Amino acid sequence: MSQAPAGWYPQPDGTERYWSGAGWTDVVRPAAYAVTPGAPIPAPTGYPSAYVQDAGSARPPAMLPAVMPAPLVYAVPVARKSPGGALVASFVLPGLGQLINGEGTKAALFLILSVIFGVLSMALIGLPFLFILWVWGCADAYTSASRWNAQHGLY
């Protein structure tokens, strides 16, 4: 024989009564128990106002406070970026440091320009531009990671 789970169940008189899983308790509440943030909550009848649930008690869990609290706002943890790692990555492949820093558009731009200047360097026209782009990419990767850390209070 399966037993109904603990919870609130409607009664014939229009109220709800708490079933502990083992038996009915004497705790009753109005059936229309709508909860809106900031609105007063009707106090259920049948239990003391300073109720604290005991571990082995057959009583229902503690009720909501008289006024619903504001919803909690959670901060998303932010990871520290490694300026040195971004610098080394951009040293190996232009745009890789920017990609590690999460700047995909900038990474694609550095990579595409390095390919264009690499092709032009066969005619010696693109060689100085490739060198300038390479140095600029390394410096940008380092400063972008440092700026990210400073903006988020990570040093």
C-alpha atoms as a PDB file:
ATOM      1  CA  MET A   1       0.000   0.000   0.000  1.00  0.00           C
ATOM      2  CA  SER A   2       1.557   3.315  -1.058  1.00  0.00           C
ATOM      3  CA  GLN A   3       1.207   6.344   1.138  1.00  0.00           C
ATOM      4  CA  ALA A   4       0.523   9.903  -0.065  1.00  0.00           C
ATOM      5  CA  PRO A   5       3.512  12.246   0.133  1.00  0.00           C
ATOM      6  CA  ALA A   6       3.656  14.943   2.787  1.00  0.00           C
ATOM      7  CA  GLY A   7       2.024  18.200   1.735  1.00  0.00           C
ATOM      8  CA  TRP A   8      -1.090  20.369   1.725  1.00  0.00           C
ATOM      9  CA  TYR A   9      -4.375  18.738   0.685  1.00  0.00           C
ATOM     10  CA  PRO A  10      -7.816  20.350   0.088  1.00  0.00           C
ATOM     11  CA  GLN A  11     -10.559  19.784   2.663  1.00  0.00           C
ATOM     12  CA  PRO A  12     -14.349  19.764   2.116  1.00  0.00           C
ATOM     13  CA  ASP A  13     -14.740  23.072   3.992  1.00  0.00           C
ATOM     14  CA  GLY A  14     -12.592  24.972   1.441  1.00  0.00           C
ATOM     15  CA  THR A  15      -9.372  24.986   3.464  1.00  0.00           C
ATOM     16  CA  GLU A  16      -6.172  22.971   3.100  1.00  0.00           C
ATOM     17  CA  ARG A  17      -4.780  20.685   5.773  1.00  0.00           C
ATOM     18  CA  TYR A  18      -1.215  19.401   6.105  1.00  0.00           C
ATOM     19  CA  TRP A  19      -0.534  15.675   5.719  1.00  0.00           C
ATOM     20  CA  SER A  20       2.818  14.767   7.335  1.00  0.00           C
ATOM     21  CA  GLY A  21       3.181  11.520   5.442  1.00  0.00           C
ATOM     22  CA  ALA A  22       2.240   9.582   8.563  1.00  0.00           C
ATOM     23  CA  GLY A  23      -0.964  11.330   9.563  1.00  0.00           C
ATOM     24  CA  TRP A  24      -3.035  14.505   9.470  1.00  0.00           C
ATOM     25  CA  THR A  25      -1.800  17.451  11.517  1.00  0.00           C
ATOM     26  CA  ASP A  26      -3.999  20.130  13.040  1.00  0.00           C
ATOM     27  CA  VAL A  27      -2.436  22.845  10.839  1.00  0.00           C
ATOM     28  CA  VAL A  28      -4.942  24.447   8.434  1.00  0.00           C
ATOM     29  CA  ARG A  29      -4.632  27.271   5.900  1.00  0.00           C
ATOM     30  CA  PRO A  30      -6.995  29.006   3.458  1.00  0.00           C
ATOM     31  CA  ALA A  31      -7.254  27.174   0.118  1.00  0.00           C
ATOM     32  CA  ALA A  32      -6.644  30.328  -1.958  1.00  0.00           C
ATOM     33  CA  TYR A  33      -3.081  30.726  -0.734  1.00  0.00           C
ATOM     34  CA  ALA A  34      -1.794  33.002  -3.515  1.00  0.00           C
ATOM     35  CA  VAL A  35       1.643  34.432  -2.802  1.00  0.00           C
ATOM     36  CA  THR A  36       2.808  37.610  -4.501  1.00  0.00           C
ATOM     37  CA  PRO A  37       6.092  39.310  -3.593  1.00  0.00           C
ATOM     38  CA  GLY A  38       5.566  42.139  -1.116  1.00  0.00           C
ATOM     39  CA  ALA A  39       1.952  41.193  -0.332  1.00  0.00           C
ATOM     40  CA  PRO A  40       0.912  40.066   3.157  1.00  0.00           C
ATOM     41  CA  ILE A  41       0.437  36.323   3.445  1.00  0.00           C
ATOM     42  CA  PRO A  42      -2.594  35.025   5.338  1.00  0.00           C
ATOM     43  CA  ALA A  43      -1.424  33.331   8.515  1.00  0.00           C
ATOM     44  CA  PRO A  44      -2.513  29.708   8.699  1.00  0.00           C
ATOM     45  CA  THR A  45      -4.307  28.569  11.808  1.00  0.00           C
ATOM     46  CA  GLY A  46      -3.403  25.759  14.142  1.00  0.00           C
ATOM     47  CA  TYR A  47       0.281  26.258  14.884  1.00  0.00           C
ATOM     48  CA  PRO A  48       2.232  28.681  17.063  1.00  0.00           C
ATOM     49  CA  SER A  49       3.617  31.852  15.480  1.00  0.00           C
ATOM     50  CA  ALA A  50       7.168  31.172  16.669  1.00  0.00           C
ATOM     51  CA  TYR A  51       7.167  27.685  15.156  1.00  0.00           C
ATOM     52  CA  VAL A  52      10.474  25.911  14.570  1.00  0.00           C
ATOM     53  CA  GLN A  53      10.413  22.455  13.028  1.00  0.00           C
ATOM     54  CA  ASP A  54      12.039  19.676  15.035  1.00  0.00           C
ATOM     55  CA  ALA A  55      14.007  17.029  13.140  1.00  0.00           C
ATOM     56  CA  GLY A  56      11.722  14.091  13.996  1.00  0.00           C
ATOM     57  CA  SER A  57       8.491  16.068  14.221  1.00  0.00           C
ATOM     58  CA  ALA A  58       5.329  15.131  12.350  1.00  0.00           C
ATOM     59  CA  ARG A  59       4.521  18.844  12.051  1.00  0.00           C
ATOM     60  CA  PRO A  60       4.551  20.626   8.679  1.00  0.00           C
ATOM     61  CA  PRO A  61       7.569  22.651   7.567  1.00  0.00           C
ATOM     62  CA  ALA A  62       7.792  26.280   8.676  1.00  0.00           C
ATOM     63  CA  MET A  63       5.474  28.626   6.826  1.00  0.00           C
ATOM     64  CA  LEU A  64       6.467  31.613   4.730  1.00  0.00           C
ATOM     65  CA  PRO A  65       7.165  34.932   6.462  1.00  0.00           C
ATOM     66  CA  ALA A  66       4.469  37.595   6.742  1.00  0.00           C
ATOM     67  CA  VAL A  67       5.870  39.425   3.688  1.00  0.00           C
ATOM     68  CA  MET A  68       7.652  37.686   0.840  1.00  0.00           C
ATOM     69  CA  PRO A  69      11.306  38.764   0.654  1.00  0.00           C
ATOM     70  CA  ALA A  70      12.708  40.205  -2.540  1.00  0.00           C
ATOM     71  CA  PRO A  71      14.187  37.591  -4.875  1.00  0.00           C
ATOM     72  CA  LEU A  72      17.879  36.885  -4.397  1.00  0.00           C
ATOM     73  CA  VAL A  73      20.302  38.179  -6.997  1.00  0.00           C
ATOM     74  CA  TYR A  74      23.243  35.923  -7.627  1.00  0.00           C
ATOM     75  CA  ALA A  75      26.578  37.198  -8.878  1.00  0.00           C
ATOM     76  CA  VAL A  76      28.165  35.150 -11.625  1.00  0.00           C
ATOM     77  CA  PRO A  77      31.750  34.276 -10.735  1.00  0.00           C
ATOM     78  CA  VAL A  78      34.308  35.785 -13.087  1.00  0.00           C
ATOM     79  CA  ALA A  79      37.571  34.019 -13.859  1.00  0.00           C
ATOM     80  CA  ARG A  80      40.881  35.862 -13.954  1.00  0.00           C
ATOM     81  CA  LYS A  81      42.503  36.131 -17.386  1.00  0.00           C
ATOM     82  CA  SER A  82      46.220  35.523 -17.726  1.00  0.00           C
ATOM     83  CA  PRO A  83      47.952  38.456 -19.454  1.00  0.00           C
ATOM     84  CA  GLY A  84      51.160  36.430 -19.850  1.00  0.00           C
ATOM     85  CA  GLY A  85      49.307  33.478 -21.354  1.00  0.00           C
ATOM     86  CA  ALA A  86      47.525  35.736 -23.828  1.00  0.00           C
ATOM     87  CA  LEU A  87      50.845  37.347 -24.785  1.00  0.00           C
ATOM     88  CA  VAL A  88      52.517  33.978 -25.426  1.00  0.00           C
ATOM     89  CA  ALA A  89      49.504  32.725 -27.385  1.00  0.00           C
ATOM     90  CA  SER A  90      49.557  35.816 -29.621  1.00  0.00           C
ATOM     91  CA  PHE A  91      53.309  35.392 -30.040  1.00  0.00           C
ATOM     92  CA  VAL A  92      52.745  31.878 -31.405  1.00  0.00           C
ATOM     93  CA  LEU A  93      49.727  32.711 -33.592  1.00  0.00           C
ATOM     94  CA  PRO A  94      48.361  36.213 -34.196  1.00  0.00           C
ATOM     95  CA  GLY A  95      44.830  36.463 -32.819  1.00  0.00           C
ATOM     96  CA  LEU A  96      45.080  33.459 -30.476  1.00  0.00           C
ATOM     97  CA  GLY A  97      45.605  35.668 -27.414  1.00  0.00           C
ATOM     98  CA  GLN A  98      42.501  37.662 -28.295  1.00  0.00           C
ATOM     99  CA  LEU A  99      40.561  34.414 -28.698  1.00  0.00           C
ATOM    100  CA  ILE A 100      41.701  33.262 -25.255  1.00  0.00           C
ATOM    101  CA  ASN A 101      40.544  36.621 -23.854  1.00  0.00           C
ATOM    102  CA  GLY A 102      37.080  36.036 -25.343  1.00  0.00           C
ATOM    103  CA  GLU A 103      37.357  38.629 -28.111  1.00  0.00           C
ATOM    104  CA  GLY A 104      36.394  36.501 -31.104  1.00  0.00           C
ATOM    105  CA  THR A 105      35.867  39.308 -33.621  1.00  0.00           C
ATOM    106  CA  LYS A 106      39.196  40.892 -32.820  1.00  0.00           C
ATOM    107  CA  ALA A 107      40.886  37.465 -32.991  1.00  0.00           C
ATOM    108  CA  ALA A 108      39.435  36.795 -36.455  1.00  0.00           C
ATOM    109  CA  LEU A 109      40.558  40.237 -37.640  1.00  0.00           C
ATOM    110  CA  PHE A 110      44.134  39.704 -36.448  1.00  0.00           C
ATOM    111  CA  LEU A 111      44.266  36.231 -38.020  1.00  0.00           C
ATOM    112  CA  ILE A 112      42.834  37.348 -41.381  1.00  0.00           C
ATOM    113  CA  LEU A 113      45.143  40.370 -41.564  1.00  0.00           C
ATOM    114  CA  SER A 114      48.168  38.220 -40.688  1.00  0.00           C
ATOM    115  CA  VAL A 115      47.302  35.824 -43.524  1.00  0.00           C
ATOM    116  CA  ILE A 116      46.889  38.746 -45.964  1.00  0.00           C
ATOM    117  CA  PHE A 117      50.173  40.356 -44.878  1.00  0.00           C
ATOM    118  CA  GLY A 118      51.857  36.940 -44.918  1.00  0.00           C
ATOM    119  CA  VAL A 119      50.890  36.480 -48.565  1.00  0.00           C
ATOM    120  CA  LEU A 120      52.023  40.034 -49.355  1.00  0.00           C
ATOM    121  CA  SER A 121      55.340  39.409 -47.591  1.00  0.00           C
ATOM    122  CA  MET A 122      56.351  37.124 -50.473  1.00  0.00           C
ATOM    123  CA  ALA A 123      56.751  40.311 -52.476  1.00  0.00           C
ATOM    124  CA  LEU A 124      58.372  42.015 -49.433  1.00  0.00           C
ATOM    125  CA  ILE A 125      55.540  44.546 -49.377  1.00  0.00           C
ATOM    126  CA  GLY A 126      53.683  42.963 -46.459  1.00  0.00           C
ATOM    127  CA  LEU A 127      56.693  42.102 -44.272  1.00  0.00           C
ATOM    128  CA  PRO A 128      56.767  45.354 -42.263  1.00  0.00           C
ATOM    129  CA  PHE A 129      52.964  45.284 -41.902  1.00  0.00           C
ATOM    130  CA  LEU A 130      53.086  41.661 -40.714  1.00  0.00           C
ATOM    131  CA  PHE A 131      55.714  42.546 -38.091  1.00  0.00           C
ATOM    132  CA  ILE A 132      53.726  45.568 -36.886  1.00  0.00           C
ATOM    133  CA  LEU A 133      50.517  43.491 -36.733  1.00  0.00           C
ATOM    134  CA  TRP A 134      52.331  40.717 -34.821  1.00  0.00           C
ATOM    135  CA  VAL A 135      53.734  43.131 -32.197  1.00  0.00           C
ATOM    136  CA  TRP A 136      50.416  44.962 -31.955  1.00  0.00           C
ATOM    137  CA  GLY A 137      48.533  41.663 -31.471  1.00  0.00           C
ATOM    138  CA  CYS A 138      50.875  40.593 -28.642  1.00  0.00           C
ATOM    139  CA  ALA A 139      50.565  43.961 -26.886  1.00  0.00           C
ATOM    140  CA  ASP A 140      46.792  44.054 -27.369  1.00  0.00           C
ATOM    141  CA  ALA A 141      46.328  40.551 -25.950  1.00  0.00           C
ATOM    142  CA  TYR A 142      48.350  41.463 -22.857  1.00  0.00           C
ATOM    143  CA  THR A 143      46.596  44.791 -22.239  1.00  0.00           C
ATOM    144  CA  SER A 144      43.116  43.331 -22.896  1.00  0.00           C
ATOM    145  CA  ALA A 145      43.645  40.620 -20.280  1.00  0.00           C
ATOM    146  CA  SER A 146      45.061  43.171 -17.811  1.00  0.00           C
ATOM    147  CA  ARG A 147      42.130  45.535 -18.442  1.00  0.00           C
ATOM    148  CA  TRP A 148      39.621  42.683 -17.906  1.00  0.00           C
ATOM    149  CA  ASN A 149      41.214  41.805 -14.575  1.00  0.00           C
ATOM    150  CA  ALA A 150      41.254  45.458 -13.458  1.00  0.00           C
ATOM    151  CA  GLN A 151      37.587  46.001 -14.419  1.00  0.00           C
ATOM    152  CA  HIS A 152      36.504  42.951 -12.413  1.00  0.00           C
ATOM    153  CA  GLY A 153      38.730  43.616  -9.404  1.00  0.00           C
ATOM    154  CA  LEU A 154      41.032  40.661 -10.116  1.00  0.00           C
ATOM    155  CA  TYR A 155      44.718  41.431  -9.747  1.00  0.00           C
END
